[in-house]
Amino acid sequence: MADCARLLKCAFFNDRMADMPASAEIYKKNYCKSEFDKCARFRVAAKLGPEKVPSDLFPNQKERADELTA
């Protein structure tokens, strides 16, 4: 699978994770460069639009993404 198209524009990595590069790389490996369709941020952006993705939503917060998109 190719990298997520939103990776370079993802505010989560370009803002929230700037001070935690090791953690950011783990998330990127598991979501952005692998199965990005499982990323909570990607799912909310795809369904509601990128402007509706909460800045504090982590890629692994599937339940929260489900609540936001319900």
Foldseek 3Di string as FASTA:
>chain_A
DAFDPCVVVQLLVVPVCPVPVVVVVVLCVVAGGDPVVQFLQVLLCVQPNNVQRDSPRGRNPNVVSVVNRD
